[in-house]
Amino acid sequence: MSVTIDKLSKALQKCLKIGQDESSQISQRVMNYFGFENFIVDNALDQPDRQLFYRLHDAGLLRTSWETILLLSGKHWRIFYWELNESDLERVLTEVEELGHEPLYNSLPDEYWGRPEETHTHT
């Protein structure tokens, strides 16, 4: 299996709460960078696309990593990578949304949110 434009588009719709047209455009834009690879070098991105990649990273659809190499001059050079991970997309696409159920925190009574009242004694 591999990441496809369609799979990425569906994950984008779910994570970013966007429509099919916008998710399709974004997924094509992203896949143009990755092609048949699962990772790319950050230097390949222009600034607007880097901002998009950070947005997808925050949504859990992209991962980042880096490595440090030693140059002949003795300096260290850090290379940053973006990774498109199929298992992350699968996780997003298979998460079951419980419709009609309110989150647990909303169902807790008010007294569960407060601290016990302290008894103050004045001397």
N, C-alpha and C. Protein backbone atom coordinates (compact mmCIF):
# COMPACT_ATOMS: atom_id res chain seq x y z
N MET A 1 0.84 -1.18 0.00
CA MET A 1 0.00 0.00 0.00
C MET A 1 0.89 1.24 0.00
N SER A 2 0.34 2.31 -0.50
CA SER A 2 1.08 3.56 -0.49
C SER A 2 0.10 4.71 -0.32
N VAL A 3 0.64 5.86 -0.04
CA VAL A 3 -0.18 7.05 0.11
C VAL A 3 -0.62 7.50 -1.26
N THR A 4 -1.90 7.76 -1.40
CA THR A 4 -2.45 8.24 -2.67
C THR A 4 -3.06 9.62 -2.47
N ILE A 5 -3.28 10.31 -3.56
CA ILE A 5 -3.92 11.63 -3.50
C ILE A 5 -5.30 11.50 -2.87
N ASP A 6 -6.03 10.45 -3.25
CA ASP A 6 -7.38 10.26 -2.72
C ASP A 6 -7.36 10.01 -1.21
N LYS A 7 -6.45 9.16 -0.75
CA LYS A 7 -6.35 8.85 0.68
C LYS A 7 -5.97 10.10 1.48
N LEU A 8 -4.99 10.83 0.97
CA LEU A 8 -4.58 12.06 1.64
C LEU A 8 -5.70 13.08 1.65
N SER A 9 -6.42 13.19 0.55
CA SER A 9 -7.54 14.12 0.46
C SER A 9 -8.62 13.82 1.50
N LYS A 10 -8.95 12.54 1.66
CA LYS A 10 -9.96 12.16 2.66
C LYS A 10 -9.48 12.46 4.08
N ALA A 11 -8.20 12.21 4.34
CA ALA A 11 -7.65 12.51 5.67
C ALA A 11 -7.65 14.02 5.93
N LEU A 12 -7.36 14.80 4.91
CA LEU A 12 -7.39 16.26 5.05
C LEU A 12 -8.79 16.75 5.37
N GLN A 13 -9.79 16.20 4.69
CA GLN A 13 -11.17 16.59 4.94
C GLN A 13 -11.54 16.34 6.40
N LYS A 14 -11.11 15.20 6.90
CA LYS A 14 -11.46 14.82 8.26
C LYS A 14 -10.70 15.64 9.30
N CYS A 15 -9.38 15.81 9.11
CA CYS A 15 -8.55 16.51 10.09
C CYS A 15 -8.74 18.02 10.09
N LEU A 16 -8.79 18.58 8.89
CA LEU A 16 -8.84 20.04 8.77
C LEU A 16 -10.26 20.57 8.62
N LYS A 17 -11.21 19.65 8.52
CA LYS A 17 -12.63 20.04 8.37
C LYS A 17 -12.81 20.98 7.16
N ILE A 18 -12.29 20.52 6.02
CA ILE A 18 -12.40 21.29 4.79
C ILE A 18 -13.15 20.47 3.76
N GLY A 19 -13.59 21.14 2.69
CA GLY A 19 -14.35 20.48 1.65
C GLY A 19 -13.50 19.66 0.71
N GLN A 20 -14.17 18.91 -0.14
CA GLN A 20 -13.48 18.00 -1.05
C GLN A 20 -12.62 18.74 -2.07
N ASP A 21 -13.10 19.85 -2.60
CA ASP A 21 -12.32 20.60 -3.58
C ASP A 21 -11.01 21.11 -3.00
N GLU A 22 -11.09 21.72 -1.82
CA GLU A 22 -9.89 22.26 -1.18
C GLU A 22 -8.94 21.14 -0.77
N SER A 23 -9.48 20.06 -0.23
CA SER A 23 -8.61 18.95 0.19
C SER A 23 -7.94 18.29 -1.01
N SER A 24 -8.63 18.23 -2.13
CA SER A 24 -8.05 17.66 -3.35
C SER A 24 -6.90 18.53 -3.85
N GLN A 25 -7.08 19.83 -3.84
CA GLN A 25 -6.02 20.75 -4.28
C GLN A 25 -4.80 20.64 -3.37
N ILE A 26 -5.03 20.61 -2.06
CA ILE A 26 -3.91 20.52 -1.12
C ILE A 26 -3.19 19.19 -1.27
N SER A 27 -3.94 18.10 -1.40
CA SER A 27 -3.30 16.79 -1.49
C SER A 27 -2.48 16.67 -2.78
N GLN A 28 -2.95 17.26 -3.87
CA GLN A 28 -2.16 17.25 -5.10
C GLN A 28 -0.89 18.07 -4.93
N ARG A 29 -1.01 19.20 -4.26
CA ARG A 29 0.15 20.07 -4.00
C ARG A 29 1.18 19.33 -3.15
N VAL A 30 0.73 18.64 -2.11
CA VAL A 30 1.63 17.90 -1.24
C VAL A 30 2.27 16.73 -1.97
N MET A 31 1.47 15.97 -2.70
CA MET A 31 1.99 14.79 -3.39
C MET A 31 2.94 15.16 -4.51
N ASN A 32 2.83 16.37 -5.06
CA ASN A 32 3.80 16.82 -6.06
C ASN A 32 5.20 16.89 -5.47
N TYR A 33 5.31 17.17 -4.19
CA TYR A 33 6.61 17.17 -3.53
C TYR A 33 7.11 15.75 -3.28
N PHE A 34 6.23 14.88 -2.80
CA PHE A 34 6.66 13.55 -2.39
C PHE A 34 6.82 12.58 -3.55
N GLY A 35 5.98 12.70 -4.57
CA GLY A 35 6.07 11.76 -5.68
C GLY A 35 5.90 10.34 -5.19
N PHE A 36 6.88 9.48 -5.46
CA PHE A 36 6.82 8.08 -5.04
C PHE A 36 7.61 7.83 -3.76
N GLU A 37 8.06 8.88 -3.10
CA GLU A 37 8.84 8.76 -1.87
C GLU A 37 7.96 9.03 -0.66
N ASN A 38 8.43 8.62 0.50
CA ASN A 38 7.72 8.89 1.74
C ASN A 38 8.31 10.07 2.50
N PHE A 39 9.46 10.56 2.06
CA PHE A 39 10.09 11.69 2.74
C PHE A 39 10.72 12.63 1.72
N ILE A 40 10.84 13.90 2.12
CA ILE A 40 11.51 14.90 1.30
C ILE A 40 12.37 15.78 2.21
N VAL A 41 13.32 16.47 1.61
CA VAL A 41 14.17 17.40 2.33
C VAL A 41 13.43 18.74 2.44
N ASP A 42 13.49 19.34 3.62
CA ASP A 42 12.79 20.60 3.87
C ASP A 42 13.20 21.70 2.90
N ASN A 43 14.45 21.69 2.45
CA ASN A 43 14.95 22.73 1.54
C ASN A 43 14.20 22.75 0.21
N ALA A 44 13.49 21.68 -0.12
CA ALA A 44 12.75 21.62 -1.38
C ALA A 44 11.49 22.49 -1.34
N LEU A 45 11.06 22.89 -0.14
CA LEU A 45 9.80 23.63 0.00
C LEU A 45 10.01 25.13 -0.13
N ASP A 46 9.02 25.79 -0.74
CA ASP A 46 9.02 27.25 -0.67
C ASP A 46 8.25 27.64 0.59
N GLN A 47 8.31 28.90 0.97
CA GLN A 47 7.76 29.34 2.26
C GLN A 47 6.26 29.06 2.41
N PRO A 48 5.40 29.37 1.43
CA PRO A 48 3.97 29.06 1.61
C PRO A 48 3.70 27.56 1.80
N ASP A 49 4.44 26.73 1.07
CA ASP A 49 4.25 25.29 1.22
C ASP A 49 4.79 24.79 2.55
N ARG A 50 5.85 25.40 3.03
CA ARG A 50 6.38 25.03 4.36
C ARG A 50 5.33 25.32 5.43
N GLN A 51 4.65 26.45 5.30
CA GLN A 51 3.58 26.78 6.25
C GLN A 51 2.46 25.74 6.17
N LEU A 52 2.12 25.32 4.96
CA LEU A 52 1.12 24.27 4.78
C LEU A 52 1.58 22.98 5.44
N PHE A 53 2.85 22.62 5.26
CA PHE A 53 3.37 21.39 5.85
C PHE A 53 3.32 21.45 7.37
N TYR A 54 3.62 22.60 7.96
CA TYR A 54 3.50 22.73 9.41
C TYR A 54 2.05 22.54 9.86
N ARG A 55 1.14 23.05 9.08
CA ARG A 55 -0.30 22.88 9.39
C ARG A 55 -0.67 21.39 9.36
N LEU A 56 -0.16 20.67 8.37
CA LEU A 56 -0.43 19.24 8.27
C LEU A 56 0.28 18.46 9.37
N HIS A 57 1.45 18.94 9.76
CA HIS A 57 2.16 18.33 10.89
C HIS A 57 1.34 18.46 12.17
N ASP A 58 0.80 19.65 12.41
CA ASP A 58 -0.02 19.89 13.60
C ASP A 58 -1.28 19.03 13.59
N ALA A 59 -1.77 18.70 12.39
CA ALA A 59 -2.96 17.85 12.27
C ALA A 59 -2.62 16.36 12.38
N GLY A 60 -1.35 16.04 12.47
CA GLY A 60 -0.93 14.65 12.60
C GLY A 60 -0.79 13.89 11.30
N LEU A 61 -0.71 14.62 10.18
CA LEU A 61 -0.62 13.98 8.88
C LEU A 61 0.80 13.91 8.33
N LEU A 62 1.69 14.73 8.84
CA LEU A 62 3.09 14.71 8.44
C LEU A 62 3.97 14.62 9.67
N ARG A 63 5.13 14.03 9.51
CA ARG A 63 6.13 13.95 10.57
C ARG A 63 7.38 14.70 10.13
N THR A 64 8.18 15.09 11.10
CA THR A 64 9.46 15.72 10.79
C THR A 64 10.58 14.92 11.46
N SER A 65 11.75 15.02 10.88
CA SER A 65 12.94 14.43 11.46
C SER A 65 14.13 15.23 10.96
N TRP A 66 15.28 14.97 11.54
CA TRP A 66 16.48 15.66 11.12
C TRP A 66 17.69 14.81 11.41
N GLU A 67 18.76 15.14 10.71
CA GLU A 67 20.04 14.49 10.96
C GLU A 67 21.12 15.55 10.85
N THR A 68 22.20 15.33 11.57
CA THR A 68 23.33 16.25 11.54
C THR A 68 24.50 15.53 10.87
N ILE A 69 25.11 16.21 9.91
CA ILE A 69 26.28 15.63 9.24
C ILE A 69 27.47 16.56 9.44
N LEU A 70 28.63 15.98 9.37
CA LEU A 70 29.86 16.74 9.52
C LEU A 70 30.39 17.09 8.14
N LEU A 71 30.55 18.38 7.88
CA LEU A 71 31.09 18.83 6.60
C LEU A 71 32.61 18.71 6.60
N LEU A 72 33.21 18.74 5.42
CA LEU A 72 34.67 18.66 5.30
C LEU A 72 35.36 19.81 6.04
N SER A 73 34.66 20.93 6.15
CA SER A 73 35.23 22.09 6.84
C SER A 73 35.25 21.91 8.35
N GLY A 74 34.61 20.84 8.84
CA GLY A 74 34.54 20.60 10.28
C GLY A 74 33.28 21.13 10.92
N LYS A 75 32.47 21.84 10.15
CA LYS A 75 31.20 22.36 10.68
C LYS A 75 30.13 21.28 10.60
N HIS A 76 29.14 21.42 11.46
CA HIS A 76 27.99 20.51 11.44
C HIS A 76 26.86 21.14 10.63
N TRP A 77 26.19 20.34 9.87
CA TRP A 77 25.08 20.79 9.03
C TRP A 77 23.87 19.93 9.37
N ARG A 78 22.78 20.58 9.71
CA ARG A 78 21.56 19.86 10.07
C ARG A 78 20.62 19.85 8.86
N ILE A 79 20.14 18.66 8.53
CA ILE A 79 19.21 18.48 7.41
C ILE A 79 17.85 18.07 7.98
N PHE A 80 16.82 18.80 7.61
CA PHE A 80 15.47 18.53 8.08
C PHE A 80 14.68 17.80 7.00
N TYR A 81 13.85 16.86 7.43
CA TYR A 81 13.03 16.06 6.52
C TYR A 81 11.56 16.13 6.92
N TRP A 82 10.71 15.96 5.91
CA TRP A 82 9.28 15.79 6.11
C TRP A 82 8.93 14.38 5.68
N GLU A 83 8.09 13.73 6.47
CA GLU A 83 7.71 12.36 6.16
C GLU A 83 6.19 12.24 6.08
N LEU A 84 5.76 11.59 5.03
CA LEU A 84 4.35 11.29 4.83
C LEU A 84 4.18 9.83 5.19
N ASN A 85 3.51 9.56 6.31
CA ASN A 85 3.44 8.22 6.84
C ASN A 85 2.05 7.63 6.62
N GLU A 86 2.01 6.53 5.92
CA GLU A 86 0.73 5.90 5.60
C GLU A 86 -0.03 5.47 6.84
N SER A 87 0.67 5.00 7.86
CA SER A 87 -0.04 4.55 9.07
C SER A 87 -0.72 5.71 9.78
N ASP A 88 -0.15 6.92 9.69
CA ASP A 88 -0.81 8.09 10.27
C ASP A 88 -2.11 8.39 9.53
N LEU A 89 -2.08 8.29 8.20
CA LEU A 89 -3.29 8.53 7.41
C LEU A 89 -4.35 7.47 7.72
N GLU A 90 -3.91 6.22 7.81
CA GLU A 90 -4.85 5.13 8.12
C GLU A 90 -5.50 5.35 9.48
N ARG A 91 -4.70 5.78 10.45
CA ARG A 91 -5.24 6.05 11.78
C ARG A 91 -6.32 7.12 11.72
N VAL A 92 -6.06 8.18 10.99
CA VAL A 92 -7.03 9.27 10.87
C VAL A 92 -8.30 8.79 10.16
N LEU A 93 -8.12 8.01 9.11
CA LEU A 93 -9.27 7.57 8.33
C LEU A 93 -10.11 6.52 9.04
N THR A 94 -9.53 5.78 9.97
CA THR A 94 -10.29 4.73 10.63
C THR A 94 -10.77 5.09 12.02
N GLU A 95 -10.44 6.29 12.49
CA GLU A 95 -10.95 6.70 13.79
C GLU A 95 -12.46 6.75 13.74
N VAL A 96 -13.07 6.16 14.73
CA VAL A 96 -14.53 6.11 14.79
C VAL A 96 -15.02 7.31 15.57
N GLU A 97 -15.88 8.07 14.94
CA GLU A 97 -16.47 9.21 15.61
C GLU A 97 -17.79 8.77 16.21
N GLU A 98 -17.94 9.00 17.48
CA GLU A 98 -19.18 8.63 18.15
C GLU A 98 -20.14 9.80 18.03
N LEU A 99 -21.00 9.72 17.06
CA LEU A 99 -21.98 10.78 16.84
C LEU A 99 -23.08 10.66 17.87
N GLY A 100 -23.56 11.78 18.33
CA GLY A 100 -24.65 11.78 19.28
C GLY A 100 -24.20 11.66 20.72
N HIS A 101 -22.93 11.46 20.98
CA HIS A 101 -22.43 11.38 22.34
C HIS A 101 -21.63 12.62 22.65
N GLU A 102 -21.97 13.24 23.77
CA GLU A 102 -21.18 14.41 24.15
C GLU A 102 -19.90 13.95 24.83
N PRO A 103 -18.85 14.76 24.75
CA PRO A 103 -17.60 14.39 25.39
C PRO A 103 -17.80 14.18 26.89
N LEU A 104 -17.00 13.30 27.47
CA LEU A 104 -17.10 12.97 28.89
C LEU A 104 -17.04 14.22 29.76
N TYR A 105 -16.14 15.13 29.46
CA TYR A 105 -15.97 16.31 30.30
C TYR A 105 -17.22 17.18 30.34
N ASN A 106 -17.99 17.18 29.26
CA ASN A 106 -19.21 17.98 29.25
C ASN A 106 -20.30 17.36 30.12
N SER A 107 -20.20 16.08 30.38
CA SER A 107 -21.25 15.41 31.15
C SER A 107 -20.97 15.41 32.66
N LEU A 108 -19.80 15.86 33.08
CA LEU A 108 -19.48 15.87 34.51
C LEU A 108 -20.21 17.00 35.22
N PRO A 109 -20.71 16.74 36.42
CA PRO A 109 -21.39 17.80 37.18
C PRO A 109 -20.42 18.92 37.55
N ASP A 110 -20.97 20.10 37.80
CA ASP A 110 -20.15 21.26 38.12
C ASP A 110 -19.26 21.05 39.33
N GLU A 111 -19.75 20.31 40.33
CA GLU A 111 -18.93 20.13 41.54
C GLU A 111 -17.65 19.35 41.27
N TYR A 112 -17.60 18.61 40.17
CA TYR A 112 -16.38 17.88 39.82
C TYR A 112 -15.28 18.82 39.34
N TRP A 113 -15.66 20.00 38.91
CA TRP A 113 -14.69 20.94 38.37
C TRP A 113 -14.12 21.87 39.43
N GLY A 114 -14.81 22.03 40.53
CA GLY A 114 -14.35 22.94 41.58
C GLY A 114 -13.49 22.23 42.59
N ARG A 115 -12.73 23.00 43.27
CA ARG A 115 -11.94 22.47 44.37
C ARG A 115 -12.82 22.51 45.62
N PRO A 116 -12.59 21.61 46.53
CA PRO A 116 -13.38 21.65 47.75
C PRO A 116 -13.20 23.00 48.46
N GLU A 117 -14.27 23.51 48.95
CA GLU A 117 -14.17 24.79 49.64
C GLU A 117 -13.35 24.62 50.91
N GLU A 118 -12.43 25.51 51.07
CA GLU A 118 -11.59 25.45 52.27
C GLU A 118 -12.28 26.18 53.38
N THR A 119 -12.17 25.65 54.57
CA THR A 119 -12.74 26.29 55.73
C THR A 119 -11.67 27.18 56.34
N HIS A 120 -11.98 28.45 56.40
CA HIS A 120 -11.02 29.40 56.96
C HIS A 120 -11.42 29.73 58.38
N THR A 121 -10.49 29.64 59.27
CA THR A 121 -10.77 30.05 60.64
C THR A 121 -9.98 31.31 60.93
N HIS A 122 -10.63 32.23 61.52
CA HIS A 122 -9.97 33.48 61.86
C HIS A 122 -9.60 33.43 63.33
N THR A 123 -8.38 33.76 63.63
CA THR A 123 -7.97 33.76 65.03
C THR A 123 -7.74 35.13 65.55
